[in-house]
Structures are given as C-alpha cells and as structure tokens.
Amino acid sequence: MAERHLRRPDVEYITGLSRSTIYALMDKGKFPRPVKLGARIVAWPESCIDAWLAQHTHSEN
C-alpha cells in the first residue's frame, strides 16, 4: 500500500501548529520537510508526521 501524503492544511490541523510555526521549525531542523510531488506540489509523508507527533507527545509527558 502506498504511503499517504498530507498537504499543509492537514498538517496544521493534525499538529495544531500554524503555517509560520511549521516553517520556522523546519528552518531550525525541528520539523520534517515536505517532499515534492509535482512541479508546484509538496506534501508530508504521513509516517513522518506520525513520528514527529509521537516524539513530541513523549517529550511533554
């Protein structure tokens, strides 16, 4: 089964982060970068977002 990719609005909803926060964290190397799916389309592999969420859920407990 092919991996699902999430567009930015979905990533914002799932993580609770704003667009500017996502890009600021990416600049600091603290958030996964999206992959290019087309000439003007990027998305995040769902597994990368799941892993990021798991890491941040554990670090806050």
Protein backbone atom coordinates (compact mmCIF):
# COMPACT_ATOMS: atom_id res chain seq x y z
CA MET A 1 0.00 0.00 0.00
CA ALA A 2 1.37 3.42 -0.95
CA GLU A 3 2.09 5.90 1.78
CA ARG A 4 -0.41 8.68 2.24
CA HIS A 5 0.86 12.24 1.92
CA LEU A 6 -0.58 15.18 3.83
CA ARG A 7 -0.92 18.70 2.47
CA ARG A 8 -0.12 21.69 4.68
CA PRO A 9 -3.67 22.39 5.91
CA ASP A 10 -3.92 18.78 7.08
CA VAL A 11 -0.54 19.00 8.79
CA GLU A 12 -1.64 22.21 10.54
CA TYR A 13 -4.83 20.54 11.74
CA ILE A 14 -3.16 17.32 12.92
CA THR A 15 -0.26 19.01 14.71
CA GLY A 16 -2.10 22.09 15.95
CA LEU A 17 0.72 24.25 14.56
CA SER A 18 0.31 27.33 12.39
CA ARG A 19 1.88 27.65 8.95
CA SER A 20 4.51 30.08 10.22
CA THR A 21 5.41 27.80 13.14
CA ILE A 22 5.78 24.79 10.85
CA TYR A 23 8.16 26.68 8.56
CA ALA A 24 10.10 28.19 11.48
CA LEU A 25 10.59 24.71 12.97
CA MET A 26 11.66 23.36 9.57
CA ASP A 27 14.27 26.13 9.32
CA LYS A 28 15.63 25.05 12.73
CA GLY A 29 15.65 21.38 11.70
CA LYS A 30 12.96 20.54 14.26
CA PHE A 31 10.16 19.57 11.88
CA PRO A 32 10.22 17.25 8.87
CA ARG A 33 10.47 18.83 5.43
CA PRO A 34 7.84 18.03 2.83
CA VAL A 35 8.58 16.03 -0.30
CA LYS A 36 7.97 17.31 -3.78
CA LEU A 37 5.06 15.55 -5.51
CA GLY A 38 4.92 17.71 -8.60
CA ALA A 39 6.16 20.96 -10.10
CA ARG A 40 4.25 23.05 -7.55
CA ILE A 41 3.00 20.48 -5.06
CA VAL A 42 4.62 19.42 -1.80
CA ALA A 43 3.27 17.22 0.98
CA TRP A 44 4.49 15.45 4.08
CA PRO A 45 4.58 11.66 4.29
CA GLU A 46 2.06 10.70 6.95
CA SER A 47 4.64 8.47 8.66
CA CYS A 48 6.95 11.49 9.18
CA ILE A 49 4.17 13.49 10.83
CA ASP A 50 3.15 10.48 12.96
CA ALA A 51 6.77 10.04 14.11
CA TRP A 52 7.10 13.76 14.90
CA LEU A 53 3.87 13.69 16.91
CA ALA A 54 4.96 10.56 18.82
CA GLN A 55 8.29 12.16 19.68
CA HIS A 56 6.67 15.35 20.91
CA THR A 57 3.92 13.58 22.83
CA HIS A 58 6.53 11.55 24.75
CA SER A 59 8.80 14.54 25.45
CA GLU A 60 5.94 16.51 27.01
CA ASN A 61 4.91 13.74 29.44
